[in-house]
Every structure is written in C-alpha cells, then in structure tokens.
Amino acid sequence: MDPQAGVVQLFAHDLRLLREKAGSPPYRALARRAHYAPATLARAAGGRELPSLAVTLAYVRACEGDEEQWEAVGTRSPRL
C-alpha cells in the first residue's frame, strides 16, 4: 500500500498501522470487537474506497485506538 498514492490509500495505510500497533489481530477477532463482518473491516483498510465513519470508528475501537482523534479528522486519517 503506497500512502503517497492518494487520500484513500493514506487512510487505509493508517488503519493498517493502527492494526499493527494493536498486535495485528486477525480480522475475525476485530470483527467480534467491532460488531462488523471481517470482510467489512478488511475493505476499510483495503485502500479502494473510504469506509464510513461508523465502520472507521468501530475498526479504531477494536484496535483500541483513539476514536475521538479519528472522528475529529473525519475522512482524513490522523498521523500515528
């Protein structure tokens, strides 16, 4: 994933970094915490489209990230 390729790719890159910082849990484990399907969470970090705010915050919460920080920037990912 090239974070310099555009906003969507940067956002996905930062979601992936957040997951790595959480110990790289499998998407099934994240899904149980986030209450979204594993495929939905994988798409959120896939870099093809921006996920909804609800999916983003669930992903962040499942990775024990700072929801307020991610919500405050809206569709821009916070630099980790």
N, C-alpha and C. Protein backbone atom coordinates (compact mmCIF):
# COMPACT_ATOMS: atom_id res chain seq x y z
N MET A 1 0.85 -1.17 0.00
CA MET A 1 0.00 0.00 0.00
C MET A 1 0.90 1.24 0.00
N ASP A 2 0.71 2.07 -1.00
CA ASP A 2 1.50 3.28 -1.12
C ASP A 2 0.72 4.46 -0.53
N PRO A 3 1.09 4.93 0.66
CA PRO A 3 0.35 6.03 1.27
C PRO A 3 0.46 7.34 0.50
N GLN A 4 1.36 7.40 -0.46
CA GLN A 4 1.52 8.61 -1.25
C GLN A 4 0.65 8.60 -2.51
N ALA A 5 -0.08 7.50 -2.72
CA ALA A 5 -0.88 7.34 -3.93
C ALA A 5 -2.18 8.14 -3.89
N GLY A 6 -2.57 8.61 -2.72
CA GLY A 6 -3.79 9.39 -2.62
C GLY A 6 -4.38 9.32 -1.22
N VAL A 7 -5.44 10.06 -1.03
CA VAL A 7 -6.08 10.16 0.29
C VAL A 7 -6.62 8.81 0.75
N VAL A 8 -7.26 8.09 -0.14
CA VAL A 8 -7.85 6.80 0.24
C VAL A 8 -6.76 5.82 0.65
N GLN A 9 -5.67 5.79 -0.10
CA GLN A 9 -4.57 4.89 0.23
C GLN A 9 -3.89 5.29 1.53
N LEU A 10 -3.75 6.58 1.77
CA LEU A 10 -3.17 7.06 3.03
C LEU A 10 -4.04 6.65 4.22
N PHE A 11 -5.35 6.80 4.05
CA PHE A 11 -6.29 6.44 5.10
C PHE A 11 -6.16 4.95 5.42
N ALA A 12 -6.16 4.12 4.37
CA ALA A 12 -6.05 2.68 4.55
C ALA A 12 -4.70 2.32 5.20
N HIS A 13 -3.66 2.98 4.77
CA HIS A 13 -2.33 2.75 5.34
C HIS A 13 -2.35 3.03 6.84
N ASP A 14 -2.97 4.12 7.23
CA ASP A 14 -3.01 4.47 8.65
C ASP A 14 -3.87 3.50 9.45
N LEU A 15 -4.96 3.00 8.86
CA LEU A 15 -5.74 1.97 9.53
C LEU A 15 -4.90 0.71 9.72
N ARG A 16 -4.12 0.36 8.72
CA ARG A 16 -3.26 -0.82 8.83
C ARG A 16 -2.19 -0.63 9.91
N LEU A 17 -1.63 0.58 9.99
CA LEU A 17 -0.66 0.86 11.05
C LEU A 17 -1.29 0.71 12.42
N LEU A 18 -2.51 1.20 12.55
CA LEU A 18 -3.22 1.09 13.83
C LEU A 18 -3.40 -0.38 14.20
N ARG A 19 -3.78 -1.20 13.23
CA ARG A 19 -3.95 -2.64 13.48
C ARG A 19 -2.62 -3.28 13.88
N GLU A 20 -1.54 -2.88 13.22
CA GLU A 20 -0.22 -3.40 13.59
C GLU A 20 0.13 -3.03 15.03
N LYS A 21 -0.14 -1.79 15.42
CA LYS A 21 0.15 -1.34 16.79
C LYS A 21 -0.68 -2.11 17.80
N ALA A 22 -1.83 -2.63 17.37
CA ALA A 22 -2.69 -3.42 18.25
C ALA A 22 -2.25 -4.89 18.30
N GLY A 23 -1.15 -5.21 17.63
CA GLY A 23 -0.65 -6.58 17.64
C GLY A 23 -1.08 -7.41 16.44
N SER A 24 -1.60 -6.76 15.41
CA SER A 24 -2.04 -7.42 14.17
C SER A 24 -3.07 -8.52 14.42
N PRO A 25 -4.13 -8.21 15.16
CA PRO A 25 -5.15 -9.24 15.38
C PRO A 25 -5.81 -9.64 14.06
N PRO A 26 -6.22 -10.90 13.93
CA PRO A 26 -6.94 -11.32 12.73
C PRO A 26 -8.25 -10.54 12.58
N TYR A 27 -8.70 -10.40 11.34
CA TYR A 27 -9.94 -9.66 11.12
C TYR A 27 -11.14 -10.31 11.82
N ARG A 28 -11.11 -11.60 12.02
CA ARG A 28 -12.21 -12.25 12.75
C ARG A 28 -12.26 -11.76 14.20
N ALA A 29 -11.09 -11.60 14.81
CA ALA A 29 -11.04 -11.09 16.18
C ALA A 29 -11.50 -9.63 16.22
N LEU A 30 -11.05 -8.85 15.24
CA LEU A 30 -11.51 -7.45 15.18
C LEU A 30 -13.02 -7.39 14.98
N ALA A 31 -13.54 -8.29 14.16
CA ALA A 31 -14.98 -8.30 13.87
C ALA A 31 -15.80 -8.54 15.13
N ARG A 32 -15.32 -9.42 15.99
CA ARG A 32 -16.04 -9.68 17.24
C ARG A 32 -16.08 -8.42 18.10
N ARG A 33 -14.98 -7.69 18.12
CA ARG A 33 -14.92 -6.46 18.93
C ARG A 33 -15.68 -5.31 18.28
N ALA A 34 -15.63 -5.24 16.95
CA ALA A 34 -16.21 -4.11 16.23
C ALA A 34 -17.68 -4.29 15.90
N HIS A 35 -18.16 -5.54 15.91
CA HIS A 35 -19.54 -5.86 15.53
C HIS A 35 -19.81 -5.55 14.06
N TYR A 36 -18.78 -5.79 13.25
CA TYR A 36 -18.89 -5.71 11.79
C TYR A 36 -18.26 -6.98 11.24
N ALA A 37 -18.66 -7.34 10.04
CA ALA A 37 -18.11 -8.53 9.40
C ALA A 37 -16.62 -8.35 9.12
N PRO A 38 -15.86 -9.44 9.20
CA PRO A 38 -14.44 -9.35 8.88
C PRO A 38 -14.18 -8.73 7.50
N ALA A 39 -15.01 -9.08 6.52
CA ALA A 39 -14.83 -8.54 5.17
C ALA A 39 -15.02 -7.02 5.14
N THR A 40 -15.94 -6.52 5.94
CA THR A 40 -16.18 -5.08 6.00
C THR A 40 -14.95 -4.37 6.56
N LEU A 41 -14.36 -4.95 7.59
CA LEU A 41 -13.18 -4.33 8.19
C LEU A 41 -11.97 -4.44 7.26
N ALA A 42 -11.85 -5.56 6.57
CA ALA A 42 -10.75 -5.71 5.60
C ALA A 42 -10.90 -4.70 4.47
N ARG A 43 -12.13 -4.48 4.00
CA ARG A 43 -12.36 -3.47 2.95
C ARG A 43 -12.01 -2.08 3.44
N ALA A 44 -12.28 -1.81 4.72
CA ALA A 44 -11.98 -0.49 5.28
C ALA A 44 -10.50 -0.16 5.15
N ALA A 45 -9.66 -1.17 5.28
CA ALA A 45 -8.21 -0.98 5.19
C ALA A 45 -7.66 -1.40 3.83
N GLY A 46 -8.55 -1.61 2.87
CA GLY A 46 -8.14 -2.10 1.57
C GLY A 46 -7.59 -1.05 0.62
N GLY A 47 -7.93 0.20 0.85
CA GLY A 47 -7.38 1.26 0.02
C GLY A 47 -8.08 1.52 -1.29
N ARG A 48 -9.28 0.98 -1.45
CA ARG A 48 -10.03 1.21 -2.69
C ARG A 48 -11.09 2.29 -2.54
N GLU A 49 -11.63 2.41 -1.31
CA GLU A 49 -12.66 3.43 -1.03
C GLU A 49 -12.59 3.77 0.44
N LEU A 50 -13.05 4.97 0.75
CA LEU A 50 -13.08 5.37 2.16
C LEU A 50 -14.22 4.66 2.86
N PRO A 51 -13.97 4.09 4.02
CA PRO A 51 -15.05 3.46 4.78
C PRO A 51 -15.94 4.55 5.40
N SER A 52 -17.12 4.16 5.80
CA SER A 52 -18.00 5.09 6.51
C SER A 52 -17.37 5.45 7.85
N LEU A 53 -17.84 6.53 8.41
CA LEU A 53 -17.35 6.94 9.73
C LEU A 53 -17.66 5.87 10.77
N ALA A 54 -18.85 5.27 10.68
CA ALA A 54 -19.23 4.23 11.65
C ALA A 54 -18.28 3.04 11.58
N VAL A 55 -17.95 2.58 10.39
CA VAL A 55 -17.02 1.45 10.23
C VAL A 55 -15.63 1.86 10.70
N THR A 56 -15.21 3.05 10.34
CA THR A 56 -13.89 3.53 10.77
C THR A 56 -13.78 3.54 12.28
N LEU A 57 -14.78 4.09 12.95
CA LEU A 57 -14.72 4.18 14.41
C LEU A 57 -14.79 2.81 15.06
N ALA A 58 -15.55 1.90 14.48
CA ALA A 58 -15.61 0.53 15.01
C ALA A 58 -14.25 -0.15 14.86
N TYR A 59 -13.60 0.06 13.72
CA TYR A 59 -12.26 -0.50 13.47
C TYR A 59 -11.28 0.07 14.49
N VAL A 60 -11.32 1.38 14.67
CA VAL A 60 -10.42 2.05 15.62
C VAL A 60 -10.66 1.56 17.03
N ARG A 61 -11.92 1.45 17.41
CA ARG A 61 -12.28 0.96 18.75
C ARG A 61 -11.78 -0.46 18.95
N ALA A 62 -11.94 -1.30 17.94
CA ALA A 62 -11.50 -2.69 18.03
C ALA A 62 -9.98 -2.79 18.18
N CYS A 63 -9.28 -1.80 17.66
CA CYS A 63 -7.80 -1.76 17.78
C CYS A 63 -7.35 -0.95 18.99
N GLU A 64 -8.32 -0.54 19.81
CA GLU A 64 -8.05 0.27 21.00
C GLU A 64 -7.34 1.57 20.66
N GLY A 65 -7.74 2.15 19.51
CA GLY A 65 -7.20 3.44 19.08
C GLY A 65 -8.01 4.58 19.67
N ASP A 66 -7.61 5.78 19.36
CA ASP A 66 -8.25 6.99 19.86
C ASP A 66 -9.39 7.39 18.94
N GLU A 67 -10.61 7.00 19.30
CA GLU A 67 -11.78 7.28 18.46
C GLU A 67 -11.98 8.78 18.27
N GLU A 68 -11.79 9.54 19.31
CA GLU A 68 -12.00 10.99 19.21
C GLU A 68 -11.06 11.61 18.19
N GLN A 69 -9.82 11.16 18.18
CA GLN A 69 -8.85 11.67 17.23
C GLN A 69 -9.27 11.34 15.80
N TRP A 70 -9.69 10.11 15.55
CA TRP A 70 -10.11 9.71 14.21
C TRP A 70 -11.40 10.41 13.81
N GLU A 71 -12.33 10.58 14.75
CA GLU A 71 -13.58 11.26 14.42
C GLU A 71 -13.35 12.74 14.14
N ALA A 72 -12.43 13.35 14.86
CA ALA A 72 -12.16 14.76 14.70
C ALA A 72 -11.63 15.09 13.30
N VAL A 73 -10.92 14.17 12.70
CA VAL A 73 -10.37 14.44 11.39
C VAL A 73 -11.30 13.97 10.27
N GLY A 74 -12.41 13.37 10.63
CA GLY A 74 -13.40 12.96 9.63
C GLY A 74 -12.84 11.96 8.65
N THR A 75 -12.76 12.32 7.40
CA THR A 75 -12.28 11.39 6.38
C THR A 75 -10.77 11.46 6.21
N ARG A 76 -10.08 12.22 7.02
CA ARG A 76 -8.62 12.24 6.97
C ARG A 76 -8.12 11.41 8.14
N SER A 77 -7.18 10.56 7.90
CA SER A 77 -6.63 9.73 8.97
C SER A 77 -5.65 10.54 9.79
N PRO A 78 -5.65 10.35 11.09
CA PRO A 78 -4.66 11.02 11.91
C PRO A 78 -3.29 10.41 11.66
N ARG A 79 -2.28 11.20 11.70
CA ARG A 79 -0.93 10.65 11.56
C ARG A 79 -0.55 10.01 12.87
N LEU A 80 -0.22 8.74 12.83
CA LEU A 80 0.06 7.96 14.01
C LEU A 80 1.48 8.15 14.48
